[in-house]
Amino acid sequence: MTLNPSSLGLTDRNYIGKSQFDDPYLNGAVDELIIYNRALTAQEIRSLASVSNAVADPKMVASSYAEGAD
C-alpha cells in the first residue's frame, strides 16, 4: 500500500518531533526544517547530507526554517 500525506485528509495534529500517537517526544532538537515540493532523488539526498547548510535548488523548496533566522 502506498500512502501520500494527502491521503490523511485535513489534519489538525501536524507536529515536528512529536507523533500523533502516544509515542515519546523526540529526544533532541530540530535546528533546520526544509519542506520540498517534490520527493528528492537519492543523489540529492547524498549531496545534502555531505554539505552543511545546503538547500540545493531553491525552486524545489516549498518552505524552510532555520533556528535564529527571521
PDB file of N, CA and C in Angstrom:
ATOM      1  N   MET A   1       0.845  -1.161   0.000  1.00  0.00           N
ATOM      2  CA  MET A   1       0.000   0.000   0.000  1.00  0.00           C
ATOM      3  C   MET A   1       0.899   1.235   0.000  1.00  0.00           C
ATOM      4  N   THR A   2       0.567   2.188  -0.835  1.00  0.00           N
ATOM      5  CA  THR A   2       1.306   3.449  -0.877  1.00  0.00           C
ATOM      6  C   THR A   2       0.400   4.569  -0.396  1.00  0.00           C
ATOM      7  N   LEU A   3       0.882   5.334   0.566  1.00  0.00           N
ATOM      8  CA  LEU A   3       0.129   6.477   1.074  1.00  0.00           C
ATOM      9  C   LEU A   3       0.915   7.744   0.836  1.00  0.00           C
ATOM     10  N   ASN A   4       0.217   8.808   0.608  1.00  0.00           N
ATOM     11  CA  ASN A   4       0.790  10.142   0.499  1.00  0.00           C
ATOM     12  C   ASN A   4       0.259  10.968   1.659  1.00  0.00           C
ATOM     13  N   PRO A   5       0.936  12.067   2.019  1.00  0.00           N
ATOM     14  CA  PRO A   5       0.393  12.925   3.080  1.00  0.00           C
ATOM     15  C   PRO A   5      -1.045  13.348   2.805  1.00  0.00           C
ATOM     16  N   SER A   6      -1.378  13.571   1.539  1.00  0.00           N
ATOM     17  CA  SER A   6      -2.747  13.977   1.212  1.00  0.00           C
ATOM     18  C   SER A   6      -3.755  12.865   1.493  1.00  0.00           C
ATOM     19  N   SER A   7      -3.292  11.627   1.611  1.00  0.00           N
ATOM     20  CA  SER A   7      -4.188  10.511   1.926  1.00  0.00           C
ATOM     21  C   SER A   7      -4.804  10.660   3.312  1.00  0.00           C
ATOM     22  N   LEU A   8      -4.162  11.438   4.182  1.00  0.00           N
ATOM     23  CA  LEU A   8      -4.664  11.643   5.537  1.00  0.00           C
ATOM     24  C   LEU A   8      -5.834  12.625   5.591  1.00  0.00           C
ATOM     25  N   GLY A   9      -6.033  13.377   4.525  1.00  0.00           N
ATOM     26  CA  GLY A   9      -7.067  14.405   4.540  1.00  0.00           C
ATOM     27  C   GLY A   9      -6.607  15.599   5.354  1.00  0.00           C
ATOM     28  N   LEU A  10      -7.529  16.439   5.738  1.00  0.00           N
ATOM     29  CA  LEU A  10      -7.189  17.600   6.555  1.00  0.00           C
ATOM     30  C   LEU A  10      -6.899  17.143   7.978  1.00  0.00           C
ATOM     31  N   THR A  11      -5.795  17.612   8.539  1.00  0.00           N
ATOM     32  CA  THR A  11      -5.432  17.224   9.897  1.00  0.00           C
ATOM     33  C   THR A  11      -5.180  18.465  10.735  1.00  0.00           C
ATOM     34  N   ASP A  12      -5.340  18.333  12.035  1.00  0.00           N
ATOM     35  CA  ASP A  12      -5.049  19.447  12.940  1.00  0.00           C
ATOM     36  C   ASP A  12      -3.953  19.059  13.931  1.00  0.00           C
ATOM     37  N   ARG A  13      -3.269  17.943  13.676  1.00  0.00           N
ATOM     38  CA  ARG A  13      -2.194  17.466  14.546  1.00  0.00           C
ATOM     39  C   ARG A  13      -0.925  17.288  13.724  1.00  0.00           C
ATOM     40  N   ASN A  14      -0.397  18.370  13.249  1.00  0.00           N
ATOM     41  CA  ASN A  14       0.793  18.333  12.413  1.00  0.00           C
ATOM     42  C   ASN A  14       1.977  18.790  13.247  1.00  0.00           C
ATOM     43  N   TYR A  15       2.821  17.841  13.635  1.00  0.00           N
ATOM     44  CA  TYR A  15       3.920  18.123  14.548  1.00  0.00           C
ATOM     45  C   TYR A  15       5.261  17.838  13.888  1.00  0.00           C
ATOM     46  N   ILE A  16       6.281  18.485  14.367  1.00  0.00           N
ATOM     47  CA  ILE A  16       7.658  18.152  14.038  1.00  0.00           C
ATOM     48  C   ILE A  16       8.295  17.671  15.346  1.00  0.00           C
ATOM     49  N   GLY A  17       8.755  16.440  15.378  1.00  0.00           N
ATOM     50  CA  GLY A  17       9.390  15.896  16.578  1.00  0.00           C
ATOM     51  C   GLY A  17       8.415  15.287  17.561  1.00  0.00           C
ATOM     52  N   LYS A  18       7.161  15.125  17.183  1.00  0.00           N
ATOM     53  CA  LYS A  18       6.158  14.506  18.051  1.00  0.00           C
ATOM     54  C   LYS A  18       5.215  13.697  17.174  1.00  0.00           C
ATOM     55  N   SER A  19       4.820  12.560  17.658  1.00  0.00           N
ATOM     56  CA  SER A  19       3.904  11.707  16.929  1.00  0.00           C
ATOM     57  C   SER A  19       2.457  12.122  17.208  1.00  0.00           C
ATOM     58  N   GLN A  20       1.558  11.713  16.336  1.00  0.00           N
ATOM     59  CA  GLN A  20       0.132  11.927  16.594  1.00  0.00           C
ATOM     60  C   GLN A  20      -0.394  10.875  17.569  1.00  0.00           C
ATOM     61  N   PHE A  21       0.464   9.936  17.927  1.00  0.00           N
ATOM     62  CA  PHE A  21       0.093   8.856  18.829  1.00  0.00           C
ATOM     63  C   PHE A  21       0.775   9.064  20.173  1.00  0.00           C
ATOM     64  N   ASP A  22       0.703   8.088  21.072  1.00  0.00           N
ATOM     65  CA  ASP A  22       1.298   8.204  22.402  1.00  0.00           C
ATOM     66  C   ASP A  22       2.772   7.829  22.426  1.00  0.00           C
ATOM     67  N   ASP A  23       3.488   8.097  21.349  1.00  0.00           N
ATOM     68  CA  ASP A  23       4.927   7.836  21.311  1.00  0.00           C
ATOM     69  C   ASP A  23       5.638   8.909  22.125  1.00  0.00           C
ATOM     70  N   PRO A  24       6.852   8.607  22.580  1.00  0.00           N
ATOM     71  CA  PRO A  24       7.615   9.632  23.305  1.00  0.00           C
ATOM     72  C   PRO A  24       8.025  10.767  22.358  1.00  0.00           C
ATOM     73  N   TYR A  25       8.246  11.937  22.935  1.00  0.00           N
ATOM     74  CA  TYR A  25       8.717  13.077  22.160  1.00  0.00           C
ATOM     75  C   TYR A  25      10.103  12.798  21.604  1.00  0.00           C
ATOM     76  N   LEU A  26      10.477  13.537  20.593  1.00  0.00           N
ATOM     77  CA  LEU A  26      11.827  13.477  20.052  1.00  0.00           C
ATOM     78  C   LEU A  26      12.807  13.890  21.140  1.00  0.00           C
ATOM     79  N   ASN A  27      13.793  13.060  21.392  1.00  0.00           N
ATOM     80  CA  ASN A  27      14.796  13.367  22.404  1.00  0.00           C
ATOM     81  C   ASN A  27      15.950  14.083  21.711  1.00  0.00           C
ATOM     82  N   GLY A  28      15.726  15.325  21.315  1.00  0.00           N
ATOM     83  CA  GLY A  28      16.725  16.104  20.590  1.00  0.00           C
ATOM     84  C   GLY A  28      16.139  17.451  20.214  1.00  0.00           C
ATOM     85  N   ALA A  29      16.718  18.056  19.212  1.00  0.00           N
ATOM     86  CA  ALA A  29      16.258  19.366  18.763  1.00  0.00           C
ATOM     87  C   ALA A  29      16.238  19.398  17.246  1.00  0.00           C
ATOM     88  N   VAL A  30      15.332  20.184  16.689  1.00  0.00           N
ATOM     89  CA  VAL A  30      15.263  20.390  15.248  1.00  0.00           C
ATOM     90  C   VAL A  30      15.858  21.764  14.982  1.00  0.00           C
ATOM     91  N   ASP A  31      16.996  21.776  14.328  1.00  0.00           N
ATOM     92  CA  ASP A  31      17.691  23.033  14.051  1.00  0.00           C
ATOM     93  C   ASP A  31      17.248  23.633  12.727  1.00  0.00           C
ATOM     94  N   GLU A  32      17.066  22.799  11.721  1.00  0.00           N
ATOM     95  CA  GLU A  32      16.625  23.263  10.406  1.00  0.00           C
ATOM     96  C   GLU A  32      15.538  22.340   9.890  1.00  0.00           C
ATOM     97  N   LEU A  33      14.580  22.917   9.216  1.00  0.00           N
ATOM     98  CA  LEU A  33      13.486  22.150   8.626  1.00  0.00           C
ATOM     99  C   LEU A  33      13.273  22.671   7.217  1.00  0.00           C
ATOM    100  N   ILE A  34      13.345  21.788   6.253  1.00  0.00           N
ATOM    101  CA  ILE A  34      13.112  22.174   4.860  1.00  0.00           C
ATOM    102  C   ILE A  34      12.050  21.241   4.300  1.00  0.00           C
ATOM    103  N   ILE A  35      11.017  21.811   3.724  1.00  0.00           N
ATOM    104  CA  ILE A  35       9.955  21.035   3.089  1.00  0.00           C
ATOM    105  C   ILE A  35      10.067  21.265   1.589  1.00  0.00           C
ATOM    106  N   TYR A  36      10.311  20.205   0.870  1.00  0.00           N
ATOM    107  CA  TYR A  36      10.455  20.291  -0.582  1.00  0.00           C
ATOM    108  C   TYR A  36       9.110  20.063  -1.250  1.00  0.00           C
ATOM    109  N   ASN A  37       8.973  20.575  -2.461  1.00  0.00           N
ATOM    110  CA  ASN A  37       7.699  20.440  -3.162  1.00  0.00           C
ATOM    111  C   ASN A  37       7.657  19.183  -4.026  1.00  0.00           C
ATOM    112  N   ARG A  38       8.632  18.293  -3.832  1.00  0.00           N
ATOM    113  CA  ARG A  38       8.653  17.009  -4.526  1.00  0.00           C
ATOM    114  C   ARG A  38       9.598  16.078  -3.769  1.00  0.00           C
ATOM    115  N   ALA A  39       9.554  14.810  -4.108  1.00  0.00           N
ATOM    116  CA  ALA A  39      10.477  13.847  -3.499  1.00  0.00           C
ATOM    117  C   ALA A  39      11.885  14.098  -4.041  1.00  0.00           C
ATOM    118  N   LEU A  40      12.875  14.006  -3.172  1.00  0.00           N
ATOM    119  CA  LEU A  40      14.261  14.180  -3.589  1.00  0.00           C
ATOM    120  C   LEU A  40      14.812  12.857  -4.131  1.00  0.00           C
ATOM    121  N   THR A  41      15.719  12.967  -5.081  1.00  0.00           N
ATOM    122  CA  THR A  41      16.386  11.770  -5.595  1.00  0.00           C
ATOM    123  C   THR A  41      17.433  11.321  -4.587  1.00  0.00           C
ATOM    124  N   ALA A  42      17.905  10.097  -4.737  1.00  0.00           N
ATOM    125  CA  ALA A  42      18.949   9.586  -3.852  1.00  0.00           C
ATOM    126  C   ALA A  42      20.199  10.456  -3.955  1.00  0.00           C
ATOM    127  N   GLN A  43      20.541  10.900  -5.145  1.00  0.00           N
ATOM    128  CA  GLN A  43      21.720  11.751  -5.317  1.00  0.00           C
ATOM    129  C   GLN A  43      21.541  13.091  -4.610  1.00  0.00           C
ATOM    130  N   GLU A  44      20.364  13.689  -4.665  1.00  0.00           N
ATOM    131  CA  GLU A  44      20.115  14.960  -3.973  1.00  0.00           C
ATOM    132  C   GLU A  44      20.242  14.787  -2.462  1.00  0.00           C
ATOM    133  N   ILE A  45      19.761  13.679  -1.945  1.00  0.00           N
ATOM    134  CA  ILE A  45      19.864  13.416  -0.505  1.00  0.00           C
ATOM    135  C   ILE A  45      21.324  13.249  -0.111  1.00  0.00           C
ATOM    136  N   ARG A  46      22.081  12.501  -0.908  1.00  0.00           N
ATOM    137  CA  ARG A  46      23.511  12.337  -0.621  1.00  0.00           C
ATOM    138  C   ARG A  46      24.223  13.687  -0.642  1.00  0.00           C
ATOM    139  N   SER A  47      23.889  14.531  -1.613  1.00  0.00           N
ATOM    140  CA  SER A  47      24.515  15.852  -1.713  1.00  0.00           C
ATOM    141  C   SER A  47      24.186  16.710  -0.503  1.00  0.00           C
ATOM    142  N   LEU A  48      22.945  16.689  -0.068  1.00  0.00           N
ATOM    143  CA  LEU A  48      22.546  17.480   1.091  1.00  0.00           C
ATOM    144  C   LEU A  48      23.215  16.967   2.363  1.00  0.00           C
ATOM    145  N   ALA A  49      23.378  15.656   2.470  1.00  0.00           N
ATOM    146  CA  ALA A  49      23.986  15.081   3.665  1.00  0.00           C
ATOM    147  C   ALA A  49      25.476  15.380   3.738  1.00  0.00           C
ATOM    148  N   SER A  50      26.110  15.632   2.606  1.00  0.00           N
ATOM    149  CA  SER A  50      27.549  15.833   2.611  1.00  0.00           C
ATOM    150  C   SER A  50      27.956  17.303   2.719  1.00  0.00           C
ATOM    151  N   VAL A  51      27.001  18.217   2.629  1.00  0.00           N
ATOM    152  CA  VAL A  51      27.306  19.645   2.700  1.00  0.00           C
ATOM    153  C   VAL A  51      26.438  20.265   3.790  1.00  0.00           C
ATOM    154  N   SER A  52      27.051  20.956   4.755  1.00  0.00           N
ATOM    155  CA  SER A  52      26.251  21.583   5.812  1.00  0.00           C
ATOM    156  C   SER A  52      25.584  22.840   5.271  1.00  0.00           C
ATOM    157  N   ASN A  53      24.381  23.096   5.752  1.00  0.00           N
ATOM    158  CA  ASN A  53      23.585  24.269   5.376  1.00  0.00           C
ATOM    159  C   ASN A  53      23.286  24.332   3.886  1.00  0.00           C
ATOM    160  N   ALA A  54      23.173  23.195   3.224  1.00  0.00           N
ATOM    161  CA  ALA A  54      22.845  23.178   1.798  1.00  0.00           C
ATOM    162  C   ALA A  54      21.342  23.025   1.626  1.00  0.00           C
ATOM    163  N   VAL A  55      20.795  23.708   0.664  1.00  0.00           N
ATOM    164  CA  VAL A  55      19.372  23.635   0.378  1.00  0.00           C
ATOM    165  C   VAL A  55      19.130  23.080  -1.012  1.00  0.00           C
ATOM    166  N   ALA A  56      20.150  22.932  -1.816  1.00  0.00           N
ATOM    167  CA  ALA A  56      20.028  22.516  -3.211  1.00  0.00           C
ATOM    168  C   ALA A  56      19.351  23.630  -3.996  1.00  0.00           C
ATOM    169  N   ASP A  57      18.516  23.284  -4.941  1.00  0.00           N
ATOM    170  CA  ASP A  57      17.878  24.272  -5.810  1.00  0.00           C
ATOM    171  C   ASP A  57      16.730  24.948  -5.063  1.00  0.00           C
ATOM    172  N   PRO A  58      16.799  26.271  -4.820  1.00  0.00           N
ATOM    173  CA  PRO A  58      15.739  26.958  -4.071  1.00  0.00           C
ATOM    174  C   PRO A  58      14.364  26.837  -4.719  1.00  0.00           C
ATOM    175  N   LYS A  59      14.286  26.549  -6.006  1.00  0.00           N
ATOM    176  CA  LYS A  59      12.989  26.398  -6.667  1.00  0.00           C
ATOM    177  C   LYS A  59      12.248  25.166  -6.178  1.00  0.00           C
ATOM    178  N   MET A  60      12.988  24.213  -5.565  1.00  0.00           N
ATOM    179  CA  MET A  60      12.365  22.983  -5.058  1.00  0.00           C
ATOM    180  C   MET A  60      11.808  23.176  -3.668  1.00  0.00           C
ATOM    181  N   VAL A  61      12.175  24.231  -2.979  1.00  0.00           N
ATOM    182  CA  VAL A  61      11.814  24.393  -1.585  1.00  0.00           C
ATOM    183  C   VAL A  61      10.445  25.043  -1.465  1.00  0.00           C
ATOM    184  N   ALA A  62       9.538  24.371  -0.784  1.00  0.00           N
ATOM    185  CA  ALA A  62       8.216  24.931  -0.546  1.00  0.00           C
ATOM    186  C   ALA A  62       8.237  25.803   0.696  1.00  0.00           C
ATOM    187  N   SER A  63       9.022  25.408   1.711  1.00  0.00           N
ATOM    188  CA  SER A  63       9.098  26.157   2.957  1.00  0.00           C
ATOM    189  C   SER A  63      10.350  25.731   3.694  1.00  0.00           C
ATOM    190  N   SER A  64      10.945  26.656   4.460  1.00  0.00           N
ATOM    191  CA  SER A  64      12.110  26.275   5.248  1.00  0.00           C
ATOM    192  C   SER A  64      12.162  27.111   6.522  1.00  0.00           C
ATOM    193  N   TYR A  65      12.877  26.589   7.512  1.00  0.00           N
ATOM    194  CA  TYR A  65      13.047  27.266   8.785  1.00  0.00           C
ATOM    195  C   TYR A  65      14.431  26.942   9.307  1.00  0.00           C
ATOM    196  N   ALA A  66      15.125  27.949   9.761  1.00  0.00           N
ATOM    197  CA  ALA A  66      16.406  27.735  10.438  1.00  0.00           C
ATOM    198  C   ALA A  66      16.364  28.500  11.739  1.00  0.00           C
ATOM    199  N   GLU A  67      16.747  27.856  12.826  1.00  0.00           N
ATOM    200  CA  GLU A  67      16.709  28.488  14.144  1.00  0.00           C
ATOM    201  C   GLU A  67      17.495  29.782  14.134  1.00  0.00           C
ATOM    202  N   GLY A  68      16.911  30.834  14.662  1.00  0.00           N
ATOM    203  CA  GLY A  68      17.574  32.129  14.733  1.00  0.00           C
ATOM    204  C   GLY A  68      17.349  32.992  13.511  1.00  0.00           C
ATOM    205  N   ALA A  69      16.792  32.431  12.445  1.00  0.00           N
ATOM    206  CA  ALA A  69      16.525  33.236  11.250  1.00  0.00           C
ATOM    207  C   ALA A  69      15.188  33.939  11.391  1.00  0.00           C
ATOM    208  N   ASP A  70      15.096  35.114  10.845  1.00  0.00           N
ATOM    209  CA  ASP A  70      13.831  35.855  10.913  1.00  0.00           C
ATOM    210  C   ASP A  70      13.101  35.806   9.595  1.00  0.00           C
TER     211      ASP A  70
END
